[in-house]
Amino acid sequence: MPATPLKVMFVAGFGPIVRDPATSRALYRDTLGLPLEPMPNDDTYLHAEGLDGVRHFALWPLTHDAQSCFGSPQWPASVPEPAS
């Protein structure tokens, strides 16, 4: 029996990890024109809600990723940085 094709309606959330938030903002918001807005009290985390195909898109700074994973805004030298 042939497989039924998967019909994806949207991605719930997606966001590249960015090393330089200012450079990433220039690319994604200023050059590509994505309607990214900063989170309240945090101008390094830019996000957009309800883009076609994705409900939440964000530029996640490496410092936020490090804080989430290691409890410090510094990425450990002994761990390779994520590639996005």
PDB file of N, CA and C in Angstrom:
ATOM      1  N   MET A   1       0.839  -1.169   0.000  1.00  0.00           N
ATOM      2  CA  MET A   1       0.000   0.000   0.000  1.00  0.00           C
ATOM      3  C   MET A   1       0.895   1.248   0.000  1.00  0.00           C
ATOM      4  N   PRO A   2       0.653   2.227  -0.878  1.00  0.00           N
ATOM      5  CA  PRO A   2       1.494   3.423  -0.937  1.00  0.00           C
ATOM      6  C   PRO A   2       1.320   4.279   0.315  1.00  0.00           C
ATOM      7  N   ALA A   3       2.391   4.961   0.675  1.00  0.00           N
ATOM      8  CA  ALA A   3       2.349   5.847   1.842  1.00  0.00           C
ATOM      9  C   ALA A   3       1.481   7.066   1.543  1.00  0.00           C
ATOM     10  N   THR A   4       0.748   7.504   2.543  1.00  0.00           N
ATOM     11  CA  THR A   4      -0.055   8.718   2.415  1.00  0.00           C
ATOM     12  C   THR A   4       0.861   9.924   2.571  1.00  0.00           C
ATOM     13  N   PRO A   5       0.803  10.879   1.657  1.00  0.00           N
ATOM     14  CA  PRO A   5       1.679  12.046   1.782  1.00  0.00           C
ATOM     15  C   PRO A   5       1.369  12.839   3.046  1.00  0.00           C
ATOM     16  N   LEU A   6       2.384  13.325   3.666  1.00  0.00           N
ATOM     17  CA  LEU A   6       2.255  14.154   4.855  1.00  0.00           C
ATOM     18  C   LEU A   6       1.919  15.572   4.409  1.00  0.00           C
ATOM     19  N   LYS A   7       0.890  16.149   4.977  1.00  0.00           N
ATOM     20  CA  LYS A   7       0.476  17.509   4.621  1.00  0.00           C
ATOM     21  C   LYS A   7       0.766  18.437   5.790  1.00  0.00           C
ATOM     22  N   VAL A   8       1.949  19.020   5.769  1.00  0.00           N
ATOM     23  CA  VAL A   8       2.355  19.933   6.837  1.00  0.00           C
ATOM     24  C   VAL A   8       1.657  21.265   6.633  1.00  0.00           C
ATOM     25  N   MET A   9       0.996  21.743   7.669  1.00  0.00           N
ATOM     26  CA  MET A   9       0.285  23.014   7.580  1.00  0.00           C
ATOM     27  C   MET A   9       1.147  24.188   8.034  1.00  0.00           C
ATOM     28  N   PHE A  10       1.992  23.962   9.044  1.00  0.00           N
ATOM     29  CA  PHE A  10       2.878  25.009   9.531  1.00  0.00           C
ATOM     30  C   PHE A  10       3.902  24.399  10.477  1.00  0.00           C
ATOM     31  N   VAL A  11       4.957  25.143  10.735  1.00  0.00           N
ATOM     32  CA  VAL A  11       5.959  24.789  11.735  1.00  0.00           C
ATOM     33  C   VAL A  11       5.630  25.624  12.968  1.00  0.00           C
ATOM     34  N   ALA A  12       5.590  25.001  14.135  1.00  0.00           N
ATOM     35  CA  ALA A  12       5.220  25.730  15.345  1.00  0.00           C
ATOM     36  C   ALA A  12       6.228  26.810  15.685  1.00  0.00           C
ATOM     37  N   GLY A  13       7.510  26.502  15.595  1.00  0.00           N
ATOM     38  CA  GLY A  13       8.518  27.501  15.920  1.00  0.00           C
ATOM     39  C   GLY A  13       9.856  27.143  15.332  1.00  0.00           C
ATOM     40  N   PHE A  14      10.599  28.159  14.982  1.00  0.00           N
ATOM     41  CA  PHE A  14      11.922  27.971  14.397  1.00  0.00           C
ATOM     42  C   PHE A  14      12.743  29.206  14.675  1.00  0.00           C
ATOM     43  N   GLY A  15      14.026  29.005  14.907  1.00  0.00           N
ATOM     44  CA  GLY A  15      14.894  30.157  15.077  1.00  0.00           C
ATOM     45  C   GLY A  15      16.350  29.772  15.042  1.00  0.00           C
ATOM     46  N   PRO A  16      17.110  30.434  14.193  1.00  0.00           N
ATOM     47  CA  PRO A  16      18.544  30.181  14.189  1.00  0.00           C
ATOM     48  C   PRO A  16      19.197  30.761  15.436  1.00  0.00           C
ATOM     49  N   ILE A  17      20.250  30.098  15.894  1.00  0.00           N
ATOM     50  CA  ILE A  17      21.079  30.626  16.974  1.00  0.00           C
ATOM     51  C   ILE A  17      22.060  31.594  16.330  1.00  0.00           C
ATOM     52  N   VAL A  18      22.131  32.809  16.849  1.00  0.00           N
ATOM     53  CA  VAL A  18      22.967  33.836  16.234  1.00  0.00           C
ATOM     54  C   VAL A  18      24.068  34.284  17.192  1.00  0.00           C
ATOM     55  N   ARG A  19      25.268  34.437  16.645  1.00  0.00           N
ATOM     56  CA  ARG A  19      26.415  34.870  17.445  1.00  0.00           C
ATOM     57  C   ARG A  19      26.448  36.387  17.608  1.00  0.00           C
ATOM     58  N   ASP A  20      26.013  37.111  16.584  1.00  0.00           N
ATOM     59  CA  ASP A  20      26.057  38.574  16.592  1.00  0.00           C
ATOM     60  C   ASP A  20      24.654  39.107  16.301  1.00  0.00           C
ATOM     61  N   PRO A  21      23.892  39.441  17.350  1.00  0.00           N
ATOM     62  CA  PRO A  21      22.512  39.874  17.147  1.00  0.00           C
ATOM     63  C   PRO A  21      22.367  41.089  16.218  1.00  0.00           C
ATOM     64  N   ALA A  22      23.271  42.047  16.275  1.00  0.00           N
ATOM     65  CA  ALA A  22      23.161  43.243  15.427  1.00  0.00           C
ATOM     66  C   ALA A  22      23.323  42.889  13.950  1.00  0.00           C
ATOM     67  N   THR A  23      24.292  42.043  13.639  1.00  0.00           N
ATOM     68  CA  THR A  23      24.503  41.623  12.257  1.00  0.00           C
ATOM     69  C   THR A  23      23.318  40.796  11.767  1.00  0.00           C
ATOM     70  N   SER A  24      22.816  39.923  12.612  1.00  0.00           N
ATOM     71  CA  SER A  24      21.663  39.098  12.247  1.00  0.00           C
ATOM     72  C   SER A  24      20.418  39.952  12.048  1.00  0.00           C
ATOM     73  N   ARG A  25      20.236  40.966  12.902  1.00  0.00           N
ATOM     74  CA  ARG A  25      19.105  41.884  12.741  1.00  0.00           C
ATOM     75  C   ARG A  25      19.193  42.593  11.389  1.00  0.00           C
ATOM     76  N   ALA A  26      20.397  43.027  11.020  1.00  0.00           N
ATOM     77  CA  ALA A  26      20.583  43.703   9.736  1.00  0.00           C
ATOM     78  C   ALA A  26      20.201  42.788   8.578  1.00  0.00           C
ATOM     79  N   LEU A  27      20.564  41.520   8.658  1.00  0.00           N
ATOM     80  CA  LEU A  27      20.230  40.588   7.583  1.00  0.00           C
ATOM     81  C   LEU A  27      18.738  40.261   7.558  1.00  0.00           C
ATOM     82  N   TYR A  28      18.214  39.739   8.657  1.00  0.00           N
ATOM     83  CA  TYR A  28      16.850  39.213   8.673  1.00  0.00           C
ATOM     84  C   TYR A  28      15.779  40.309   8.636  1.00  0.00           C
ATOM     85  N   ARG A  29      15.987  41.388   9.364  1.00  0.00           N
ATOM     86  CA  ARG A  29      14.959  42.430   9.419  1.00  0.00           C
ATOM     87  C   ARG A  29      15.176  43.495   8.350  1.00  0.00           C
ATOM     88  N   ASP A  30      16.393  44.030   8.286  1.00  0.00           N
ATOM     89  CA  ASP A  30      16.638  45.160   7.396  1.00  0.00           C
ATOM     90  C   ASP A  30      16.793  44.746   5.934  1.00  0.00           C
ATOM     91  N   THR A  31      17.532  43.653   5.670  1.00  0.00           N
ATOM     92  CA  THR A  31      17.752  43.223   4.287  1.00  0.00           C
ATOM     93  C   THR A  31      16.610  42.351   3.773  1.00  0.00           C
ATOM     94  N   LEU A  32      16.233  41.331   4.537  1.00  0.00           N
ATOM     95  CA  LEU A  32      15.178  40.411   4.088  1.00  0.00           C
ATOM     96  C   LEU A  32      13.769  40.938   4.355  1.00  0.00           C
ATOM     97  N   GLY A  33      13.661  41.910   5.234  1.00  0.00           N
ATOM     98  CA  GLY A  33      12.368  42.536   5.495  1.00  0.00           C
ATOM     99  C   GLY A  33      11.422  41.765   6.388  1.00  0.00           C
ATOM    100  N   LEU A  34      11.935  40.811   7.184  1.00  0.00           N
ATOM    101  CA  LEU A  34      11.050  40.088   8.106  1.00  0.00           C
ATOM    102  C   LEU A  34      10.583  41.037   9.212  1.00  0.00           C
ATOM    103  N   PRO A  35       9.325  40.946   9.604  1.00  0.00           N
ATOM    104  CA  PRO A  35       8.776  41.872  10.603  1.00  0.00           C
ATOM    105  C   PRO A  35       9.165  41.480  12.026  1.00  0.00           C
ATOM    106  N   LEU A  36      10.448  41.520  12.325  1.00  0.00           N
ATOM    107  CA  LEU A  36      10.953  41.097  13.630  1.00  0.00           C
ATOM    108  C   LEU A  36      10.863  42.234  14.641  1.00  0.00           C
ATOM    109  N   GLU A  37      10.405  41.889  15.830  1.00  0.00           N
ATOM    110  CA  GLU A  37      10.275  42.848  16.923  1.00  0.00           C
ATOM    111  C   GLU A  37      11.040  42.329  18.130  1.00  0.00           C
ATOM    112  N   PRO A  38      11.625  43.216  18.927  1.00  0.00           N
ATOM    113  CA  PRO A  38      12.317  42.763  20.137  1.00  0.00           C
ATOM    114  C   PRO A  38      11.331  42.352  21.225  1.00  0.00           C
ATOM    115  N   MET A  39      11.769  41.451  22.067  1.00  0.00           N
ATOM    116  CA  MET A  39      10.988  41.094  23.248  1.00  0.00           C
ATOM    117  C   MET A  39      11.060  42.268  24.220  1.00  0.00           C
ATOM    118  N   PRO A  40      10.044  42.456  25.055  1.00  0.00           N
ATOM    119  CA  PRO A  40      10.124  43.516  26.061  1.00  0.00           C
ATOM    120  C   PRO A  40      11.359  43.325  26.940  1.00  0.00           C
ATOM    121  N   ASN A  41      12.093  44.373  27.151  1.00  0.00           N
ATOM    122  CA  ASN A  41      13.299  44.375  27.996  1.00  0.00           C
ATOM    123  C   ASN A  41      14.440  43.533  27.452  1.00  0.00           C
ATOM    124  N   ASP A  42      14.410  43.168  26.165  1.00  0.00           N
ATOM    125  CA  ASP A  42      15.506  42.388  25.582  1.00  0.00           C
ATOM    126  C   ASP A  42      15.573  42.652  24.081  1.00  0.00           C
ATOM    127  N   ASP A  43      16.403  43.605  23.683  1.00  0.00           N
ATOM    128  CA  ASP A  43      16.468  43.958  22.265  1.00  0.00           C
ATOM    129  C   ASP A  43      17.363  43.033  21.455  1.00  0.00           C
ATOM    130  N   THR A  44      17.935  41.988  22.090  1.00  0.00           N
ATOM    131  CA  THR A  44      18.758  41.033  21.338  1.00  0.00           C
ATOM    132  C   THR A  44      17.951  39.854  20.821  1.00  0.00           C
ATOM    133  N   TYR A  45      16.801  39.564  21.428  1.00  0.00           N
ATOM    134  CA  TYR A  45      15.935  38.462  20.997  1.00  0.00           C
ATOM    135  C   TYR A  45      14.834  39.042  20.128  1.00  0.00           C
ATOM    136  N   LEU A  46      14.967  38.881  18.820  1.00  0.00           N
ATOM    137  CA  LEU A  46      13.966  39.387  17.887  1.00  0.00           C
ATOM    138  C   LEU A  46      13.071  38.243  17.440  1.00  0.00           C
ATOM    139  N   HIS A  47      11.776  38.525  17.299  1.00  0.00           N
ATOM    140  CA  HIS A  47      10.844  37.466  16.925  1.00  0.00           C
ATOM    141  C   HIS A  47       9.715  38.012  16.067  1.00  0.00           C
ATOM    142  N   ALA A  48       9.038  37.109  15.387  1.00  0.00           N
ATOM    143  CA  ALA A  48       7.846  37.434  14.612  1.00  0.00           C
ATOM    144  C   ALA A  48       6.840  36.319  14.830  1.00  0.00           C
ATOM    145  N   GLU A  49       5.594  36.684  14.924  1.00  0.00           N
ATOM    146  CA  GLU A  49       4.512  35.719  15.105  1.00  0.00           C
ATOM    147  C   GLU A  49       3.697  35.626  13.828  1.00  0.00           C
ATOM    148  N   GLY A  50       3.321  34.412  13.461  1.00  0.00           N
ATOM    149  CA  GLY A  50       2.391  34.214  12.369  1.00  0.00           C
ATOM    150  C   GLY A  50       2.923  34.471  10.970  1.00  0.00           C
ATOM    151  N   LEU A  51       4.205  34.268  10.749  1.00  0.00           N
ATOM    152  CA  LEU A  51       4.722  34.336   9.384  1.00  0.00           C
ATOM    153  C   LEU A  51       4.142  33.172   8.593  1.00  0.00           C
ATOM    154  N   ASP A  52       4.019  33.329   7.296  1.00  0.00           N
ATOM    155  CA  ASP A  52       3.521  32.220   6.481  1.00  0.00           C
ATOM    156  C   ASP A  52       4.386  30.986   6.698  1.00  0.00           C
ATOM    157  N   GLY A  53       3.770  29.911   7.126  1.00  0.00           N
ATOM    158  CA  GLY A  53       4.465  28.639   7.292  1.00  0.00           C
ATOM    159  C   GLY A  53       5.076  28.399   8.655  1.00  0.00           C
ATOM    160  N   VAL A  54       5.171  29.434   9.497  1.00  0.00           N
ATOM    161  CA  VAL A  54       5.746  29.258  10.832  1.00  0.00           C
ATOM    162  C   VAL A  54       5.010  30.175  11.809  1.00  0.00           C
ATOM    163  N   ARG A  55       4.649  29.627  12.953  1.00  0.00           N
ATOM    164  CA  ARG A  55       3.901  30.418  13.937  1.00  0.00           C
ATOM    165  C   ARG A  55       4.802  31.355  14.735  1.00  0.00           C
ATOM    166  N   HIS A  56       6.013  30.918  15.030  1.00  0.00           N
ATOM    167  CA  HIS A  56       6.949  31.744  15.797  1.00  0.00           C
ATOM    168  C   HIS A  56       8.325  31.605  15.169  1.00  0.00           C
ATOM    169  N   PHE A  57       8.911  32.707  14.751  1.00  0.00           N
ATOM    170  CA  PHE A  57      10.268  32.736  14.219  1.00  0.00           C
ATOM    171  C   PHE A  57      11.052  33.691  15.095  1.00  0.00           C
ATOM    172  N   ALA A  58      12.272  33.301  15.471  1.00  0.00           N
ATOM    173  CA  ALA A  58      13.068  34.165  16.335  1.00  0.00           C
ATOM    174  C   ALA A  58      14.550  34.018  16.023  1.00  0.00           C
ATOM    175  N   LEU A  59      15.274  35.081  16.315  1.00  0.00           N
ATOM    176  CA  LEU A  59      16.731  35.040  16.287  1.00  0.00           C
ATOM    177  C   LEU A  59      17.163  34.843  17.736  1.00  0.00           C
ATOM    178  N   TRP A  60      17.704  33.664  18.038  1.00  0.00           N
ATOM    179  CA  TRP A  60      18.057  33.311  19.408  1.00  0.00           C
ATOM    180  C   TRP A  60      19.544  33.547  19.612  1.00  0.00           C
ATOM    181  N   PRO A  61      19.928  34.564  20.391  1.00  0.00           N
ATOM    182  CA  PRO A  61      21.341  34.843  20.613  1.00  0.00           C
ATOM    183  C   PRO A  61      22.054  33.669  21.302  1.00  0.00           C
ATOM    184  N   LEU A  62      23.289  33.456  20.919  1.00  0.00           N
ATOM    185  CA  LEU A  62      24.096  32.385  21.514  1.00  0.00           C
ATOM    186  C   LEU A  62      24.167  32.543  23.033  1.00  0.00           C
ATOM    187  N   THR A  63      24.189  33.771  23.526  1.00  0.00           N
ATOM    188  CA  THR A  63      24.231  33.988  24.976  1.00  0.00           C
ATOM    189  C   THR A  63      22.987  33.426  25.660  1.00  0.00           C
ATOM    190  N   HIS A  64      21.828  33.531  25.002  1.00  0.00           N
ATOM    191  CA  HIS A  64      20.586  32.970  25.560  1.00  0.00           C
ATOM    192  C   HIS A  64      20.645  31.440  25.545  1.00  0.00           C
ATOM    193  N   ASP A  65      21.172  30.889  24.466  1.00  0.00           N
ATOM    194  CA  ASP A  65      21.323  29.436  24.351  1.00  0.00           C
ATOM    195  C   ASP A  65      22.257  28.925  25.450  1.00  0.00           C
ATOM    196  N   ALA A  66      23.372  29.609  25.633  1.00  0.00           N
ATOM    197  CA  ALA A  66      24.326  29.211  26.676  1.00  0.00           C
ATOM    198  C   ALA A  66      23.678  29.276  28.056  1.00  0.00           C
ATOM    199  N   GLN A  67      22.914  30.341  28.306  1.00  0.00           N
ATOM    200  CA  GLN A  67      22.233  30.478  29.596  1.00  0.00           C
ATOM    201  C   GLN A  67      21.251  29.331  29.803  1.00  0.00           C
ATOM    202  N   SER A  68      20.522  28.991  28.768  1.00  0.00           N
ATOM    203  CA  SER A  68      19.547  27.908  28.850  1.00  0.00           C
ATOM    204  C   SER A  68      20.207  26.552  29.092  1.00  0.00           C
ATOM    205  N   CYS A  69      21.315  26.306  28.400  1.00  0.00           N
ATOM    206  CA  CYS A  69      21.972  24.995  28.481  1.00  0.00           C
ATOM    207  C   CYS A  69      22.950  24.853  29.643  1.00  0.00           C
ATOM    208  N   PHE A  70      23.676  25.949  29.949  1.00  0.00           N
ATOM    209  CA  PHE A  70      24.793  25.848  30.895  1.00  0.00           C
ATOM    210  C   PHE A  70      24.678  26.762  32.107  1.00  0.00           C
ATOM    211  N   GLY A  71      23.615  27.586  32.169  1.00  0.00           N
ATOM    212  CA  GLY A  71      23.428  28.462  33.314  1.00  0.00           C
ATOM    213  C   GLY A  71      24.337  29.665  33.334  1.00  0.00           C
ATOM    214  N   SER A  72      24.944  29.983  32.199  1.00  0.00           N
ATOM    215  CA  SER A  72      25.851  31.121  32.086  1.00  0.00           C
ATOM    216  C   SER A  72      25.723  31.692  30.678  1.00  0.00           C
ATOM    217  N   PRO A  73      25.839  33.012  30.514  1.00  0.00           N
ATOM    218  CA  PRO A  73      25.756  33.570  29.163  1.00  0.00           C
ATOM    219  C   PRO A  73      26.987  33.283  28.297  1.00  0.00           C
ATOM    220  N   GLN A  74      28.023  32.714  28.898  1.00  0.00           N
ATOM    221  CA  GLN A  74      29.235  32.371  28.160  1.00  0.00           C
ATOM    222  C   GLN A  74      29.163  30.923  27.696  1.00  0.00           C
ATOM    223  N   TRP A  75      29.396  30.698  26.407  1.00  0.00           N
ATOM    224  CA  TRP A  75      29.438  29.339  25.882  1.00  0.00           C
ATOM    225  C   TRP A  75      30.738  28.697  26.336  1.00  0.00           C
ATOM    226  N   PRO A  76      30.721  27.480  26.908  1.00  0.00           N
ATOM    227  CA  PRO A  76      31.950  26.843  27.385  1.00  0.00           C
ATOM    228  C   PRO A  76      32.921  26.567  26.236  1.00  0.00           C
ATOM    229  N   ALA A  77      34.167  26.889  26.442  1.00  0.00           N
ATOM    230  CA  ALA A  77      35.202  26.671  25.413  1.00  0.00           C
ATOM    231  C   ALA A  77      35.366  25.200  25.084  1.00  0.00           C
ATOM    232  N   SER A  78      35.026  24.327  26.033  1.00  0.00           N
ATOM    233  CA  SER A  78      35.209  22.890  25.834  1.00  0.00           C
ATOM    234  C   SER A  78      34.088  22.239  25.003  1.00  0.00           C
ATOM    235  N   VAL A  79      33.054  23.023  24.679  1.00  0.00           N
ATOM    236  CA  VAL A  79      31.910  22.513  23.926  1.00  0.00           C
ATOM    237  C   VAL A  79      31.833  23.265  22.595  1.00  0.00           C
ATOM    238  N   PRO A  80      31.789  22.543  21.471  1.00  0.00           N
ATOM    239  CA  PRO A  80      31.671  23.249  20.190  1.00  0.00           C
ATOM    240  C   PRO A  80      30.389  24.088  20.134  1.00  0.00           C
ATOM    241  N   GLU A  81      30.511  25.295  19.604  1.00  0.00           N
ATOM    242  CA  GLU A  81      29.331  26.153  19.457  1.00  0.00           C
ATOM    243  C   GLU A  81      28.392  25.565  18.397  1.00  0.00           C
ATOM    244  N   PRO A  82      27.093  25.733  18.591  1.00  0.00           N
ATOM    245  CA  PRO A  82      26.160  25.225  17.579  1.00  0.00           C
ATOM    246  C   PRO A  82      26.311  25.983  16.269  1.00  0.00           C
ATOM    247  N   ALA A  83      26.103  25.296  15.184  1.00  0.00           N
ATOM    248  CA  ALA A  83      26.135  25.923  13.864  1.00  0.00           C
ATOM    249  C   ALA A  83      24.708  26.129  13.402  1.00  0.00           C
ATOM    250  N   SER A  84      24.427  27.292  12.896  1.00  0.00           N
ATOM    251  CA  SER A  84      23.064  27.547  12.405  1.00  0.00           C
ATOM    252  C   SER A  84      23.103  28.009  10.975  1.00  0.00           C
TER     253      SER A  84
END
